[in-house]
Amino acid sequence: MFELALLALAPAAGGSLITYLTLTRKPAVNHTGLAVGQITIKRRSGRMAVRAGGAA
């Protein structure tokens, strides 16, 4: 009897799990909006020159 209940409930549980994982996944990054050779703002901000002595 347990096997019959398991056969009846397992597909529903598996389907709901697959649906949940599909709906909550992060969207893929298809287009960054940058032309060839451009540097992202996140990477560019770390390359700025910093004065060691500060403003005089």
PDB file of N, CA and C in Angstrom:
ATOM      1  N   MET A   1       0.819  -1.192   0.000  1.00  0.00           N
ATOM      2  CA  MET A   1       0.000   0.000   0.000  1.00  0.00           C
ATOM      3  C   MET A   1       0.864   1.258   0.000  1.00  0.00           C
ATOM      4  N   PHE A   2       1.989   1.181   0.711  1.00  0.00           N
ATOM      5  CA  PHE A   2       2.905   2.321   0.758  1.00  0.00           C
ATOM      6  C   PHE A   2       3.472   2.622  -0.625  1.00  0.00           C
ATOM      7  N   GLU A   3       3.794   1.567  -1.376  1.00  0.00           N
ATOM      8  CA  GLU A   3       4.344   1.759  -2.718  1.00  0.00           C
ATOM      9  C   GLU A   3       3.343   2.447  -3.636  1.00  0.00           C
ATOM     10  N   LEU A   4       2.069   2.087  -3.500  1.00  0.00           N
ATOM     11  CA  LEU A   4       1.034   2.710  -4.318  1.00  0.00           C
ATOM     12  C   LEU A   4       0.916   4.206  -4.000  1.00  0.00           C
ATOM     13  N   ALA A   5       0.968   4.540  -2.733  1.00  0.00           N
ATOM     14  CA  ALA A   5       0.909   5.946  -2.329  1.00  0.00           C
ATOM     15  C   ALA A   5       2.143   6.694  -2.819  1.00  0.00           C
ATOM     16  N   LEU A   6       3.287   6.048  -2.751  1.00  0.00           N
ATOM     17  CA  LEU A   6       4.523   6.679  -3.217  1.00  0.00           C
ATOM     18  C   LEU A   6       4.482   6.905  -4.727  1.00  0.00           C
ATOM     19  N   LEU A   7       3.976   5.939  -5.465  1.00  0.00           N
ATOM     20  CA  LEU A   7       3.857   6.104  -6.914  1.00  0.00           C
ATOM     21  C   LEU A   7       2.876   7.214  -7.288  1.00  0.00           C
ATOM     22  N   ALA A   8       1.898   7.449  -6.441  1.00  0.00           N
ATOM     23  CA  ALA A   8       0.907   8.486  -6.724  1.00  0.00           C
ATOM     24  C   ALA A   8       1.425   9.879  -6.351  1.00  0.00           C
ATOM     25  N   LEU A   9       2.243   9.979  -5.307  1.00  0.00           N
ATOM     26  CA  LEU A   9       2.678  11.286  -4.806  1.00  0.00           C
ATOM     27  C   LEU A   9       4.030  11.743  -5.354  1.00  0.00           C
ATOM     28  N   ALA A  10       4.879  10.823  -5.750  1.00  0.00           N
ATOM     29  CA  ALA A  10       6.224  11.189  -6.195  1.00  0.00           C
ATOM     30  C   ALA A  10       6.225  12.072  -7.446  1.00  0.00           C
ATOM     31  N   PRO A  11       5.444  11.784  -8.491  1.00  0.00           N
ATOM     32  CA  PRO A  11       5.462  12.667  -9.660  1.00  0.00           C
ATOM     33  C   PRO A  11       4.981  14.083  -9.346  1.00  0.00           C
ATOM     34  N   ALA A  12       3.999  14.211  -8.466  1.00  0.00           N
ATOM     35  CA  ALA A  12       3.507  15.538  -8.109  1.00  0.00           C
ATOM     36  C   ALA A  12       4.565  16.319  -7.339  1.00  0.00           C
ATOM     37  N   ALA A  13       5.245  15.648  -6.425  1.00  0.00           N
ATOM     38  CA  ALA A  13       6.290  16.316  -5.647  1.00  0.00           C
ATOM     39  C   ALA A  13       7.461  16.698  -6.545  1.00  0.00           C
ATOM     40  N   GLY A  14       7.834  15.815  -7.447  1.00  0.00           N
ATOM     41  CA  GLY A  14       8.938  16.122  -8.355  1.00  0.00           C
ATOM     42  C   GLY A  14       8.592  17.248  -9.311  1.00  0.00           C
ATOM     43  N   GLY A  15       7.361  17.251  -9.808  1.00  0.00           N
ATOM     44  CA  GLY A  15       6.944  18.318 -10.705  1.00  0.00           C
ATOM     45  C   GLY A  15       6.898  19.667 -10.023  1.00  0.00           C
ATOM     46  N   SER A  16       6.413  19.696  -8.789  1.00  0.00           N
ATOM     47  CA  SER A  16       6.359  20.964  -8.069  1.00  0.00           C
ATOM     48  C   SER A  16       7.764  21.457  -7.729  1.00  0.00           C
ATOM     49  N   LEU A  17       8.684  20.555  -7.437  1.00  0.00           N
ATOM     50  CA  LEU A  17      10.055  20.954  -7.159  1.00  0.00           C
ATOM     51  C   LEU A  17      10.720  21.531  -8.402  1.00  0.00           C
ATOM     52  N   ILE A  18      10.522  20.903  -9.545  1.00  0.00           N
ATOM     53  CA  ILE A  18      11.095  21.414 -10.795  1.00  0.00           C
ATOM     54  C   ILE A  18      10.502  22.777 -11.137  1.00  0.00           C
ATOM     55  N   THR A  19       9.200  22.941 -10.939  1.00  0.00           N
ATOM     56  CA  THR A  19       8.562  24.230 -11.200  1.00  0.00           C
ATOM     57  C   THR A  19       9.107  25.308 -10.278  1.00  0.00           C
ATOM     58  N   TYR A  20       9.281  24.990  -9.004  1.00  0.00           N
ATOM     59  CA  TYR A  20       9.814  25.955  -8.040  1.00  0.00           C
ATOM     60  C   TYR A  20      11.230  26.363  -8.414  1.00  0.00           C
ATOM     61  N   LEU A  21      12.072  25.402  -8.763  1.00  0.00           N
ATOM     62  CA  LEU A  21      13.452  25.718  -9.118  1.00  0.00           C
ATOM     63  C   LEU A  21      13.529  26.515 -10.411  1.00  0.00           C
ATOM     64  N   THR A  22      12.626  26.262 -11.351  1.00  0.00           N
ATOM     65  CA  THR A  22      12.619  27.002 -12.604  1.00  0.00           C
ATOM     66  C   THR A  22      12.172  28.442 -12.395  1.00  0.00           C
ATOM     67  N   LEU A  23      11.183  28.640 -11.552  1.00  0.00           N
ATOM     68  CA  LEU A  23      10.651  29.992 -11.351  1.00  0.00           C
ATOM     69  C   LEU A  23      11.552  30.858 -10.480  1.00  0.00           C
ATOM     70  N   THR A  24      12.385  30.251  -9.638  1.00  0.00           N
ATOM     71  CA  THR A  24      13.201  31.038  -8.714  1.00  0.00           C
ATOM     72  C   THR A  24      14.657  31.163  -9.164  1.00  0.00           C
ATOM     73  N   ARG A  25      14.989  30.679 -10.343  1.00  0.00           N
ATOM     74  CA  ARG A  25      16.386  30.785 -10.777  1.00  0.00           C
ATOM     75  C   ARG A  25      16.688  32.199 -11.245  1.00  0.00           C
ATOM     76  N   LYS A  26      17.952  32.582 -11.190  1.00  0.00           N
ATOM     77  CA  LYS A  26      18.367  33.903 -11.632  1.00  0.00           C
ATOM     78  C   LYS A  26      18.376  33.955 -13.156  1.00  0.00           C
ATOM     79  N   PRO A  27      17.941  35.054 -13.739  1.00  0.00           N
ATOM     80  CA  PRO A  27      17.955  35.147 -15.196  1.00  0.00           C
ATOM     81  C   PRO A  27      19.380  35.217 -15.732  1.00  0.00           C
ATOM     82  N   ALA A  28      19.576  34.656 -16.896  1.00  0.00           N
ATOM     83  CA  ALA A  28      20.900  34.653 -17.507  1.00  0.00           C
ATOM     84  C   ALA A  28      21.220  36.040 -18.060  1.00  0.00           C
ATOM     85  N   VAL A  29      22.498  36.409 -17.989  1.00  0.00           N
ATOM     86  CA  VAL A  29      22.934  37.693 -18.520  1.00  0.00           C
ATOM     87  C   VAL A  29      23.226  37.499 -20.001  1.00  0.00           C
ATOM     88  N   ASN A  30      22.338  38.007 -20.848  1.00  0.00           N
ATOM     89  CA  ASN A  30      22.496  37.829 -22.283  1.00  0.00           C
ATOM     90  C   ASN A  30      23.213  38.998 -22.935  1.00  0.00           C
ATOM     91  N   HIS A  31      23.008  40.192 -22.392  1.00  0.00           N
ATOM     92  CA  HIS A  31      23.573  41.374 -23.031  1.00  0.00           C
ATOM     93  C   HIS A  31      23.971  42.360 -21.950  1.00  0.00           C
ATOM     94  N   THR A  32      25.212  42.795 -21.961  1.00  0.00           N
ATOM     95  CA  THR A  32      25.686  43.692 -20.923  1.00  0.00           C
ATOM     96  C   THR A  32      25.537  45.149 -21.306  1.00  0.00           C
ATOM     97  N   GLY A  33      25.285  45.451 -22.579  1.00  0.00           N
ATOM     98  CA  GLY A  33      25.109  46.829 -22.991  1.00  0.00           C
ATOM     99  C   GLY A  33      26.403  47.558 -23.276  1.00  0.00           C
ATOM    100  N   LEU A  34      27.499  46.843 -23.339  1.00  0.00           N
ATOM    101  CA  LEU A  34      28.796  47.466 -23.585  1.00  0.00           C
ATOM    102  C   LEU A  34      29.255  47.179 -25.002  1.00  0.00           C
ATOM    103  N   ALA A  35      29.942  48.171 -25.581  1.00  0.00           N
ATOM    104  CA  ALA A  35      30.543  47.953 -26.885  1.00  0.00           C
ATOM    105  C   ALA A  35      31.888  47.247 -26.691  1.00  0.00           C
ATOM    106  N   VAL A  36      32.500  46.864 -27.795  1.00  0.00           N
ATOM    107  CA  VAL A  36      33.770  46.150 -27.734  1.00  0.00           C
ATOM    108  C   VAL A  36      34.840  47.100 -27.208  1.00  0.00           C
ATOM    109  N   GLY A  37      35.568  46.665 -26.188  1.00  0.00           N
ATOM    110  CA  GLY A  37      36.654  47.460 -25.640  1.00  0.00           C
ATOM    111  C   GLY A  37      36.263  48.310 -24.449  1.00  0.00           C
ATOM    112  N   GLN A  38      34.993  48.438 -24.144  1.00  0.00           N
ATOM    113  CA  GLN A  38      34.584  49.233 -22.991  1.00  0.00           C
ATOM    114  C   GLN A  38      34.789  48.446 -21.709  1.00  0.00           C
ATOM    115  N   ILE A  39      35.053  49.167 -20.629  1.00  0.00           N
ATOM    116  CA  ILE A  39      35.287  48.559 -19.324  1.00  0.00           C
ATOM    117  C   ILE A  39      34.069  48.850 -18.454  1.00  0.00           C
ATOM    118  N   THR A  40      33.610  47.867 -17.720  1.00  0.00           N
ATOM    119  CA  THR A  40      32.451  48.071 -16.861  1.00  0.00           C
ATOM    120  C   THR A  40      32.796  49.051 -15.749  1.00  0.00           C
ATOM    121  N   ILE A  41      31.773  49.693 -15.201  1.00  0.00           N
ATOM    122  CA  ILE A  41      31.983  50.696 -14.150  1.00  0.00           C
ATOM    123  C   ILE A  41      32.599  50.046 -12.919  1.00  0.00           C
ATOM    124  N   LYS A  42      32.183  48.826 -12.603  1.00  0.00           N
ATOM    125  CA  LYS A  42      32.711  48.143 -11.429  1.00  0.00           C
ATOM    126  C   LYS A  42      34.221  47.924 -11.558  1.00  0.00           C
ATOM    127  N   ARG A  43      34.677  47.534 -12.727  1.00  0.00           N
ATOM    128  CA  ARG A  43      36.106  47.287 -12.921  1.00  0.00           C
ATOM    129  C   ARG A  43      36.881  48.581 -13.072  1.00  0.00           C
ATOM    130  N   ARG A  44      36.239  49.612 -13.677  1.00  0.00           N
ATOM    131  CA  ARG A  44      36.934  50.858 -13.919  1.00  0.00           C
ATOM    132  C   ARG A  44      37.200  51.615 -12.614  1.00  0.00           C
ATOM    133  N   SER A  45      36.302  51.512 -11.629  1.00  0.00           N
ATOM    134  CA  SER A  45      36.441  52.293 -10.406  1.00  0.00           C
ATOM    135  C   SER A  45      37.665  51.861  -9.598  1.00  0.00           C
ATOM    136  N   GLY A  46      38.085  50.622  -9.722  1.00  0.00           N
ATOM    137  CA  GLY A  46      39.243  50.160  -8.969  1.00  0.00           C
ATOM    138  C   GLY A  46      40.565  50.573  -9.581  1.00  0.00           C
ATOM    139  N   ARG A  47      40.551  51.091 -10.798  1.00  0.00           N
ATOM    140  CA  ARG A  47      41.790  51.438 -11.485  1.00  0.00           C
ATOM    141  C   ARG A  47      42.109  52.926 -11.425  1.00  0.00           C
ATOM    142  N   MET A  48      41.338  53.684 -10.672  1.00  0.00           N
ATOM    143  CA  MET A  48      41.572  55.121 -10.597  1.00  0.00           C
ATOM    144  C   MET A  48      42.832  55.400  -9.780  1.00  0.00           C
ATOM    145  N   ALA A  49      43.543  56.450 -10.168  1.00  0.00           N
ATOM    146  CA  ALA A  49      44.785  56.805  -9.475  1.00  0.00           C
ATOM    147  C   ALA A  49      44.466  57.410  -8.118  1.00  0.00           C
ATOM    148  N   VAL A  50      45.258  57.024  -7.115  1.00  0.00           N
ATOM    149  CA  VAL A  50      45.072  57.539  -5.766  1.00  0.00           C
ATOM    150  C   VAL A  50      46.396  58.190  -5.348  1.00  0.00           C
ATOM    151  N   ARG A  51      46.312  59.417  -4.862  1.00  0.00           N
ATOM    152  CA  ARG A  51      47.518  60.105  -4.392  1.00  0.00           C
ATOM    153  C   ARG A  51      47.904  59.578  -3.026  1.00  0.00           C
ATOM    154  N   ALA A  52      49.203  59.397  -2.834  1.00  0.00           N
ATOM    155  CA  ALA A  52      49.680  58.840  -1.587  1.00  0.00           C
ATOM    156  C   ALA A  52      49.681  59.891  -0.475  1.00  0.00           C
ATOM    157  N   GLY A  53      50.058  61.127  -0.814  1.00  0.00           N
ATOM    158  CA  GLY A  53      50.173  62.166   0.225  1.00  0.00           C
ATOM    159  C   GLY A  53      48.887  62.896   0.492  1.00  0.00           C
ATOM    160  N   GLY A  54      47.926  62.815  -0.380  1.00  0.00           N
ATOM    161  CA  GLY A  54      46.683  63.548  -0.201  1.00  0.00           C
ATOM    162  C   GLY A  54      46.803  64.935  -0.827  1.00  0.00           C
ATOM    163  N   ALA A  55      45.754  65.711  -0.724  1.00  0.00           N
ATOM    164  CA  ALA A  55      45.742  67.050  -1.328  1.00  0.00           C
ATOM    165  C   ALA A  55      46.606  67.995  -0.481  1.00  0.00           C
ATOM    166  N   ALA A  56      47.421  68.822  -1.184  1.00  0.00           N
ATOM    167  CA  ALA A  56      48.315  69.732  -0.440  1.00  0.00           C
ATOM    168  C   ALA A  56      47.802  71.146  -0.510  1.00  0.00           C
TER     169      ALA A  56
END
